[in-house]
Amino acid sequence: MGMNYTHHSVNHSKEFVDDDGNHTNNMEASWRTIKMKVPTRKRNHNVLQEHLFEVMWRNQNVGEIWFSLLTALREIGYGNAE
């Protein structure tokens, strides 16, 4: 996929935050949110990506879901005959 992410790990039997400041709190919180919002039967490789996108989008647009949706539709030109 070519995303060029760097994988860091923390040995929790020794520490919760390593010397470089790496920890798993953010990732664990993200997965907890996803598990609460995506039903178990929908956590398969066929539809998970769409559900992850929706959870991420909703988290980024808290309090302005409808405005953000209308803005996104306007930006992609939905409904325009161009």
PDB file of N, CA and C in Angstrom:
ATOM      1  N   MET A   1       0.810  -1.203   0.000  1.00  0.00           N
ATOM      2  CA  MET A   1       0.000   0.000   0.000  1.00  0.00           C
ATOM      3  C   MET A   1       0.853   1.266   0.000  1.00  0.00           C
ATOM      4  N   GLY A   2       2.091   1.180   0.468  1.00  0.00           N
ATOM      5  CA  GLY A   2       2.988   2.314   0.371  1.00  0.00           C
ATOM      6  C   GLY A   2       2.675   3.479   1.301  1.00  0.00           C
ATOM      7  N   MET A   3       2.129   3.211   2.479  1.00  0.00           N
ATOM      8  CA  MET A   3       1.781   4.291   3.401  1.00  0.00           C
ATOM      9  C   MET A   3       2.990   4.797   4.185  1.00  0.00           C
ATOM     10  N   ASN A   4       4.040   4.003   4.257  1.00  0.00           N
ATOM     11  CA  ASN A   4       5.285   4.386   4.937  1.00  0.00           C
ATOM     12  C   ASN A   4       5.086   4.768   6.400  1.00  0.00           C
ATOM     13  N   TYR A   5       4.265   4.018   7.111  1.00  0.00           N
ATOM     14  CA  TYR A   5       4.097   4.221   8.545  1.00  0.00           C
ATOM     15  C   TYR A   5       5.238   3.542   9.285  1.00  0.00           C
ATOM     16  N   THR A   6       5.603   4.099  10.414  1.00  0.00           N
ATOM     17  CA  THR A   6       6.593   3.486  11.278  1.00  0.00           C
ATOM     18  C   THR A   6       5.860   2.824  12.430  1.00  0.00           C
ATOM     19  N   HIS A   7       6.094   1.545  12.622  1.00  0.00           N
ATOM     20  CA  HIS A   7       5.439   0.815  13.707  1.00  0.00           C
ATOM     21  C   HIS A   7       6.294   0.907  14.961  1.00  0.00           C
ATOM     22  N   HIS A   8       5.694   1.379  16.035  1.00  0.00           N
ATOM     23  CA  HIS A   8       6.356   1.436  17.327  1.00  0.00           C
ATOM     24  C   HIS A   8       5.640   0.471  18.255  1.00  0.00           C
ATOM     25  N   SER A   9       6.336  -0.060  19.215  1.00  0.00           N
ATOM     26  CA  SER A   9       5.702  -0.945  20.187  1.00  0.00           C
ATOM     27  C   SER A   9       6.173  -0.563  21.583  1.00  0.00           C
ATOM     28  N   VAL A  10       5.332  -0.910  22.548  1.00  0.00           N
ATOM     29  CA  VAL A  10       5.635  -0.635  23.945  1.00  0.00           C
ATOM     30  C   VAL A  10       5.491  -1.945  24.703  1.00  0.00           C
ATOM     31  N   ASN A  11       6.480  -2.286  25.470  1.00  0.00           N
ATOM     32  CA  ASN A  11       6.436  -3.488  26.288  1.00  0.00           C
ATOM     33  C   ASN A  11       5.770  -3.120  27.611  1.00  0.00           C
ATOM     34  N   HIS A  12       4.480  -3.443  27.731  1.00  0.00           N
ATOM     35  CA  HIS A  12       3.732  -3.034  28.916  1.00  0.00           C
ATOM     36  C   HIS A  12       4.158  -3.754  30.189  1.00  0.00           C
ATOM     37  N   SER A  13       4.931  -4.820  30.068  1.00  0.00           N
ATOM     38  CA  SER A  13       5.433  -5.457  31.289  1.00  0.00           C
ATOM     39  C   SER A  13       6.563  -4.618  31.902  1.00  0.00           C
ATOM     40  N   LYS A  14       7.122  -3.690  31.116  1.00  0.00           N
ATOM     41  CA  LYS A  14       8.199  -2.823  31.609  1.00  0.00           C
ATOM     42  C   LYS A  14       7.750  -1.385  31.819  1.00  0.00           C
ATOM     43  N   GLU A  15       6.898  -0.885  30.904  1.00  0.00           N
ATOM     44  CA  GLU A  15       6.522   0.531  30.941  1.00  0.00           C
ATOM     45  C   GLU A  15       5.247   0.759  30.125  1.00  0.00           C
ATOM     46  N   PHE A  16       4.583   1.880  30.376  1.00  0.00           N
ATOM     47  CA  PHE A  16       3.401   2.228  29.591  1.00  0.00           C
ATOM     48  C   PHE A  16       3.707   3.285  28.547  1.00  0.00           C
ATOM     49  N   VAL A  17       4.787   4.029  28.750  1.00  0.00           N
ATOM     50  CA  VAL A  17       5.260   5.016  27.776  1.00  0.00           C
ATOM     51  C   VAL A  17       6.751   4.792  27.636  1.00  0.00           C
ATOM     52  N   ASP A  18       7.225   4.615  26.396  1.00  0.00           N
ATOM     53  CA  ASP A  18       8.664   4.373  26.242  1.00  0.00           C
ATOM     54  C   ASP A  18       9.447   5.686  26.296  1.00  0.00           C
ATOM     55  N   ASP A  19      10.753   5.602  26.173  1.00  0.00           N
ATOM     56  CA  ASP A  19      11.621   6.777  26.292  1.00  0.00           C
ATOM     57  C   ASP A  19      11.347   7.825  25.213  1.00  0.00           C
ATOM     58  N   ASP A  20      10.796   7.393  24.075  1.00  0.00           N
ATOM     59  CA  ASP A  20      10.496   8.325  22.982  1.00  0.00           C
ATOM     60  C   ASP A  20       9.090   8.916  23.087  1.00  0.00           C
ATOM     61  N   GLY A  21       8.339   8.519  24.124  1.00  0.00           N
ATOM     62  CA  GLY A  21       6.987   9.042  24.305  1.00  0.00           C
ATOM     63  C   GLY A  21       5.908   8.233  23.617  1.00  0.00           C
ATOM     64  N   ASN A  22       6.258   7.079  23.051  1.00  0.00           N
ATOM     65  CA  ASN A  22       5.266   6.243  22.382  1.00  0.00           C
ATOM     66  C   ASN A  22       4.406   5.521  23.415  1.00  0.00           C
ATOM     67  N   HIS A  23       3.109   5.457  23.147  1.00  0.00           N
ATOM     68  CA  HIS A  23       2.172   4.755  24.019  1.00  0.00           C
ATOM     69  C   HIS A  23       1.005   4.249  23.169  1.00  0.00           C
ATOM     70  N   THR A  24       0.130   3.472  23.782  1.00  0.00           N
ATOM     71  CA  THR A  24      -0.978   2.877  23.025  1.00  0.00           C
ATOM     72  C   THR A  24      -2.331   3.480  23.394  1.00  0.00           C
ATOM     73  N   ASN A  25      -2.367   4.489  24.232  1.00  0.00           N
ATOM     74  CA  ASN A  25      -3.638   5.042  24.704  1.00  0.00           C
ATOM     75  C   ASN A  25      -4.533   5.538  23.570  1.00  0.00           C
ATOM     76  N   ASN A  26      -3.981   6.282  22.617  1.00  0.00           N
ATOM     77  CA  ASN A  26      -4.798   6.813  21.528  1.00  0.00           C
ATOM     78  C   ASN A  26      -5.385   5.693  20.675  1.00  0.00           C
ATOM     79  N   MET A  27      -4.580   4.703  20.349  1.00  0.00           N
ATOM     80  CA  MET A  27      -5.060   3.601  19.519  1.00  0.00           C
ATOM     81  C   MET A  27      -6.123   2.791  20.256  1.00  0.00           C
ATOM     82  N   GLU A  28      -5.888   2.529  21.530  1.00  0.00           N
ATOM     83  CA  GLU A  28      -6.871   1.771  22.307  1.00  0.00           C
ATOM     84  C   GLU A  28      -8.184   2.540  22.422  1.00  0.00           C
ATOM     85  N   ALA A  29      -8.120   3.848  22.594  1.00  0.00           N
ATOM     86  CA  ALA A  29      -9.332   4.665  22.660  1.00  0.00           C
ATOM     87  C   ALA A  29     -10.061   4.662  21.324  1.00  0.00           C
ATOM     88  N   SER A  30      -9.310   4.723  20.228  1.00  0.00           N
ATOM     89  CA  SER A  30      -9.930   4.694  18.897  1.00  0.00           C
ATOM     90  C   SER A  30     -10.643   3.376  18.656  1.00  0.00           C
ATOM     91  N   TRP A  31      -9.995   2.272  18.994  1.00  0.00           N
ATOM     92  CA  TRP A  31     -10.635   0.966  18.794  1.00  0.00           C
ATOM     93  C   TRP A  31     -11.860   0.812  19.685  1.00  0.00           C
ATOM     94  N   ARG A  32     -11.806   1.340  20.908  1.00  0.00           N
ATOM     95  CA  ARG A  32     -12.960   1.262  21.801  1.00  0.00           C
ATOM     96  C   ARG A  32     -14.146   2.007  21.181  1.00  0.00           C
ATOM     97  N   THR A  33     -13.897   3.189  20.614  1.00  0.00           N
ATOM     98  CA  THR A  33     -14.947   3.958  19.954  1.00  0.00           C
ATOM     99  C   THR A  33     -15.523   3.195  18.772  1.00  0.00           C
ATOM    100  N   ILE A  34     -14.655   2.613  17.969  1.00  0.00           N
ATOM    101  CA  ILE A  34     -15.106   1.860  16.798  1.00  0.00           C
ATOM    102  C   ILE A  34     -15.943   0.660  17.214  1.00  0.00           C
ATOM    103  N   LYS A  35     -15.493  -0.053  18.245  1.00  0.00           N
ATOM    104  CA  LYS A  35     -16.242  -1.221  18.703  1.00  0.00           C
ATOM    105  C   LYS A  35     -17.620  -0.835  19.222  1.00  0.00           C
ATOM    106  N   MET A  36     -17.738   0.340  19.823  1.00  0.00           N
ATOM    107  CA  MET A  36     -19.028   0.782  20.326  1.00  0.00           C
ATOM    108  C   MET A  36     -19.965   1.181  19.188  1.00  0.00           C
ATOM    109  N   LYS A  37     -19.423   1.691  18.084  1.00  0.00           N
ATOM    110  CA  LYS A  37     -20.255   2.244  17.021  1.00  0.00           C
ATOM    111  C   LYS A  37     -20.484   1.300  15.842  1.00  0.00           C
ATOM    112  N   VAL A  38     -19.632   0.303  15.671  1.00  0.00           N
ATOM    113  CA  VAL A  38     -19.782  -0.627  14.542  1.00  0.00           C
ATOM    114  C   VAL A  38     -20.274  -1.962  15.086  1.00  0.00           C
ATOM    115  N   PRO A  39     -21.466  -2.396  14.671  1.00  0.00           N
ATOM    116  CA  PRO A  39     -21.993  -3.677  15.167  1.00  0.00           C
ATOM    117  C   PRO A  39     -21.052  -4.835  14.833  1.00  0.00           C
ATOM    118  N   THR A  40     -21.034  -5.836  15.691  1.00  0.00           N
ATOM    119  CA  THR A  40     -20.140  -6.984  15.517  1.00  0.00           C
ATOM    120  C   THR A  40     -20.309  -7.625  14.143  1.00  0.00           C
ATOM    121  N   ARG A  41     -21.537  -7.782  13.690  1.00  0.00           N
ATOM    122  CA  ARG A  41     -21.782  -8.446  12.401  1.00  0.00           C
ATOM    123  C   ARG A  41     -21.253  -7.645  11.208  1.00  0.00           C
ATOM    124  N   LYS A  42     -20.920  -6.365  11.431  1.00  0.00           N
ATOM    125  CA  LYS A  42     -20.413  -5.526  10.344  1.00  0.00           C
ATOM    126  C   LYS A  42     -18.896  -5.371  10.390  1.00  0.00           C
ATOM    127  N   ARG A  43     -18.236  -6.080  11.302  1.00  0.00           N
ATOM    128  CA  ARG A  43     -16.781  -5.972  11.412  1.00  0.00           C
ATOM    129  C   ARG A  43     -16.106  -7.057  10.593  1.00  0.00           C
ATOM    130  N   ASN A  44     -16.333  -7.032   9.298  1.00  0.00           N
ATOM    131  CA  ASN A  44     -15.637  -7.966   8.417  1.00  0.00           C
ATOM    132  C   ASN A  44     -14.965  -7.165   7.312  1.00  0.00           C
ATOM    133  N   HIS A  45     -14.051  -7.787   6.618  1.00  0.00           N
ATOM    134  CA  HIS A  45     -13.234  -7.061   5.647  1.00  0.00           C
ATOM    135  C   HIS A  45     -14.035  -6.498   4.482  1.00  0.00           C
ATOM    136  N   ASN A  46     -15.258  -6.993   4.255  1.00  0.00           N
ATOM    137  CA  ASN A  46     -16.058  -6.504   3.127  1.00  0.00           C
ATOM    138  C   ASN A  46     -16.610  -5.104   3.365  1.00  0.00           C
ATOM    139  N   VAL A  47     -16.958  -4.775   4.600  1.00  0.00           N
ATOM    140  CA  VAL A  47     -17.605  -3.490   4.872  1.00  0.00           C
ATOM    141  C   VAL A  47     -16.908  -2.665   5.952  1.00  0.00           C
ATOM    142  N   LEU A  48     -15.872  -3.196   6.570  1.00  0.00           N
ATOM    143  CA  LEU A  48     -15.249  -2.495   7.691  1.00  0.00           C
ATOM    144  C   LEU A  48     -14.672  -1.144   7.282  1.00  0.00           C
ATOM    145  N   GLN A  49     -14.065  -1.053   6.116  1.00  0.00           N
ATOM    146  CA  GLN A  49     -13.452   0.205   5.704  1.00  0.00           C
ATOM    147  C   GLN A  49     -14.482   1.330   5.631  1.00  0.00           C
ATOM    148  N   GLU A  50     -15.665   1.041   5.102  1.00  0.00           N
ATOM    149  CA  GLU A  50     -16.706   2.060   5.026  1.00  0.00           C
ATOM    150  C   GLU A  50     -17.146   2.499   6.418  1.00  0.00           C
ATOM    151  N   HIS A  51     -17.267   1.550   7.344  1.00  0.00           N
ATOM    152  CA  HIS A  51     -17.665   1.889   8.701  1.00  0.00           C
ATOM    153  C   HIS A  51     -16.577   2.690   9.411  1.00  0.00           C
ATOM    154  N   LEU A  52     -15.324   2.328   9.193  1.00  0.00           N
ATOM    155  CA  LEU A  52     -14.223   3.088   9.793  1.00  0.00           C
ATOM    156  C   LEU A  52     -14.225   4.520   9.275  1.00  0.00           C
ATOM    157  N   PHE A  53     -14.453   4.683   7.971  1.00  0.00           N
ATOM    158  CA  PHE A  53     -14.509   6.026   7.388  1.00  0.00           C
ATOM    159  C   PHE A  53     -15.632   6.833   8.028  1.00  0.00           C
ATOM    160  N   GLU A  54     -16.800   6.214   8.186  1.00  0.00           N
ATOM    161  CA  GLU A  54     -17.927   6.936   8.783  1.00  0.00           C
ATOM    162  C   GLU A  54     -17.633   7.348  10.224  1.00  0.00           C
ATOM    163  N   VAL A  55     -17.065   6.442  11.024  1.00  0.00           N
ATOM    164  CA  VAL A  55     -16.733   6.766  12.417  1.00  0.00           C
ATOM    165  C   VAL A  55     -15.727   7.914  12.458  1.00  0.00           C
ATOM    166  N   MET A  56     -14.705   7.856  11.619  1.00  0.00           N
ATOM    167  CA  MET A  56     -13.694   8.917  11.588  1.00  0.00           C
ATOM    168  C   MET A  56     -14.323  10.244  11.168  1.00  0.00           C
ATOM    169  N   TRP A  57     -15.177  10.205  10.126  1.00  0.00           N
ATOM    170  CA  TRP A  57     -15.807  11.422   9.613  1.00  0.00           C
ATOM    171  C   TRP A  57     -16.714  12.045  10.675  1.00  0.00           C
ATOM    172  N   ARG A  58     -17.513  11.201  11.343  1.00  0.00           N
ATOM    173  CA  ARG A  58     -18.398  11.711  12.396  1.00  0.00           C
ATOM    174  C   ARG A  58     -17.596  12.317  13.543  1.00  0.00           C
ATOM    175  N   ASN A  59     -16.476  11.701  13.926  1.00  0.00           N
ATOM    176  CA  ASN A  59     -15.642  12.238  15.000  1.00  0.00           C
ATOM    177  C   ASN A  59     -15.026  13.579  14.619  1.00  0.00           C
ATOM    178  N   GLN A  60     -14.708  13.765  13.347  1.00  0.00           N
ATOM    179  CA  GLN A  60     -14.117  15.020  12.891  1.00  0.00           C
ATOM    180  C   GLN A  60     -15.160  16.122  12.749  1.00  0.00           C
ATOM    181  N   ASN A  61     -16.435  15.757  12.678  1.00  0.00           N
ATOM    182  CA  ASN A  61     -17.491  16.739  12.429  1.00  0.00           C
ATOM    183  C   ASN A  61     -18.538  16.765  13.544  1.00  0.00           C
ATOM    184  N   VAL A  62     -18.124  16.506  14.756  1.00  0.00           N
ATOM    185  CA  VAL A  62     -19.039  16.500  15.901  1.00  0.00           C
ATOM    186  C   VAL A  62     -19.698  17.874  16.024  1.00  0.00           C
ATOM    187  N   GLY A  63     -21.016  17.870  16.180  1.00  0.00           N
ATOM    188  CA  GLY A  63     -21.749  19.120  16.365  1.00  0.00           C
ATOM    189  C   GLY A  63     -22.139  19.822  15.086  1.00  0.00           C
ATOM    190  N   GLU A  64     -21.639  19.362  13.967  1.00  0.00           N
ATOM    191  CA  GLU A  64     -21.981  20.004  12.687  1.00  0.00           C
ATOM    192  C   GLU A  64     -22.121  18.967  11.574  1.00  0.00           C
ATOM    193  N   ILE A  65     -22.728  17.839  11.917  1.00  0.00           N
ATOM    194  CA  ILE A  65     -22.856  16.728  10.969  1.00  0.00           C
ATOM    195  C   ILE A  65     -23.574  17.157   9.696  1.00  0.00           C
ATOM    196  N   TRP A  66     -24.755  17.764   9.818  1.00  0.00           N
ATOM    197  CA  TRP A  66     -25.533  18.115   8.626  1.00  0.00           C
ATOM    198  C   TRP A  66     -24.845  19.179   7.797  1.00  0.00           C
ATOM    199  N   PHE A  67     -24.297  20.195   8.444  1.00  0.00           N
ATOM    200  CA  PHE A  67     -23.583  21.240   7.712  1.00  0.00           C
ATOM    201  C   PHE A  67     -22.393  20.635   6.968  1.00  0.00           C
ATOM    202  N   SER A  68     -21.657  19.758   7.635  1.00  0.00           N
ATOM    203  CA  SER A  68     -20.494  19.121   7.009  1.00  0.00           C
ATOM    204  C   SER A  68     -20.905  18.236   5.847  1.00  0.00           C
ATOM    205  N   LEU A  69     -22.020  17.519   6.002  1.00  0.00           N
ATOM    206  CA  LEU A  69     -22.508  16.674   4.920  1.00  0.00           C
ATOM    207  C   LEU A  69     -22.893  17.518   3.714  1.00  0.00           C
ATOM    208  N   LEU A  70     -23.643  18.583   3.935  1.00  0.00           N
ATOM    209  CA  LEU A  70     -24.043  19.454   2.828  1.00  0.00           C
ATOM    210  C   LEU A  70     -22.830  20.101   2.160  1.00  0.00           C
ATOM    211  N   THR A  71     -21.853  20.501   2.962  1.00  0.00           N
ATOM    212  CA  THR A  71     -20.626  21.080   2.413  1.00  0.00           C
ATOM    213  C   THR A  71     -19.892  20.062   1.547  1.00  0.00           C
ATOM    214  N   ALA A  72     -19.784  18.824   2.042  1.00  0.00           N
ATOM    215  CA  ALA A  72     -19.105  17.772   1.274  1.00  0.00           C
ATOM    216  C   ALA A  72     -19.833  17.495  -0.028  1.00  0.00           C
ATOM    217  N   LEU A  73     -21.156  17.439   0.026  1.00  0.00           N
ATOM    218  CA  LEU A  73     -21.931  17.201  -1.200  1.00  0.00           C
ATOM    219  C   LEU A  73     -21.751  18.334  -2.200  1.00  0.00           C
ATOM    220  N   ARG A  74     -21.709  19.568  -1.712  1.00  0.00           N
ATOM    221  CA  ARG A  74     -21.494  20.717  -2.598  1.00  0.00           C
ATOM    222  C   ARG A  74     -20.090  20.651  -3.227  1.00  0.00           C
ATOM    223  N   GLU A  75     -19.105  20.280  -2.428  1.00  0.00           N
ATOM    224  CA  GLU A  75     -17.724  20.237  -2.921  1.00  0.00           C
ATOM    225  C   GLU A  75     -17.515  19.178  -3.990  1.00  0.00           C
ATOM    226  N   ILE A  76     -18.227  18.053  -3.887  1.00  0.00           N
ATOM    227  CA  ILE A  76     -18.049  17.012  -4.909  1.00  0.00           C
ATOM    228  C   ILE A  76     -19.016  17.208  -6.070  1.00  0.00           C
ATOM    229  N   GLY A  77     -19.894  18.208  -5.955  1.00  0.00           N
ATOM    230  CA  GLY A  77     -20.801  18.514  -7.060  1.00  0.00           C
ATOM    231  C   GLY A  77     -21.927  17.522  -7.210  1.00  0.00           C
ATOM    232  N   TYR A  78     -22.373  16.923  -6.113  1.00  0.00           N
ATOM    233  CA  TYR A  78     -23.451  15.948  -6.170  1.00  0.00           C
ATOM    234  C   TYR A  78     -24.715  16.623  -6.677  1.00  0.00           C
ATOM    235  N   GLY A  79     -25.302  16.030  -7.702  1.00  0.00           N
ATOM    236  CA  GLY A  79     -26.544  16.562  -8.240  1.00  0.00           C
ATOM    237  C   GLY A  79     -26.334  17.537  -9.373  1.00  0.00           C
ATOM    238  N   ASN A  80     -25.105  17.971  -9.599  1.00  0.00           N
ATOM    239  CA  ASN A  80     -24.835  18.875 -10.730  1.00  0.00           C
ATOM    240  C   ASN A  80     -24.674  18.070 -11.993  1.00  0.00           C
ATOM    241  N   ALA A  81     -25.184  18.580 -13.072  1.00  0.00           N
ATOM    242  CA  ALA A  81     -25.129  17.874 -14.362  1.00  0.00           C
ATOM    243  C   ALA A  81     -23.908  18.314 -15.163  1.00  0.00           C
ATOM    244  N   GLU A  82     -22.787  18.473 -14.527  1.00  0.00           N
ATOM    245  CA  GLU A  82     -21.572  18.912 -15.249  1.00  0.00           C
ATOM    246  C   GLU A  82     -20.814  17.751 -15.783  1.00  0.00           C
TER     247      GLU A  82
END
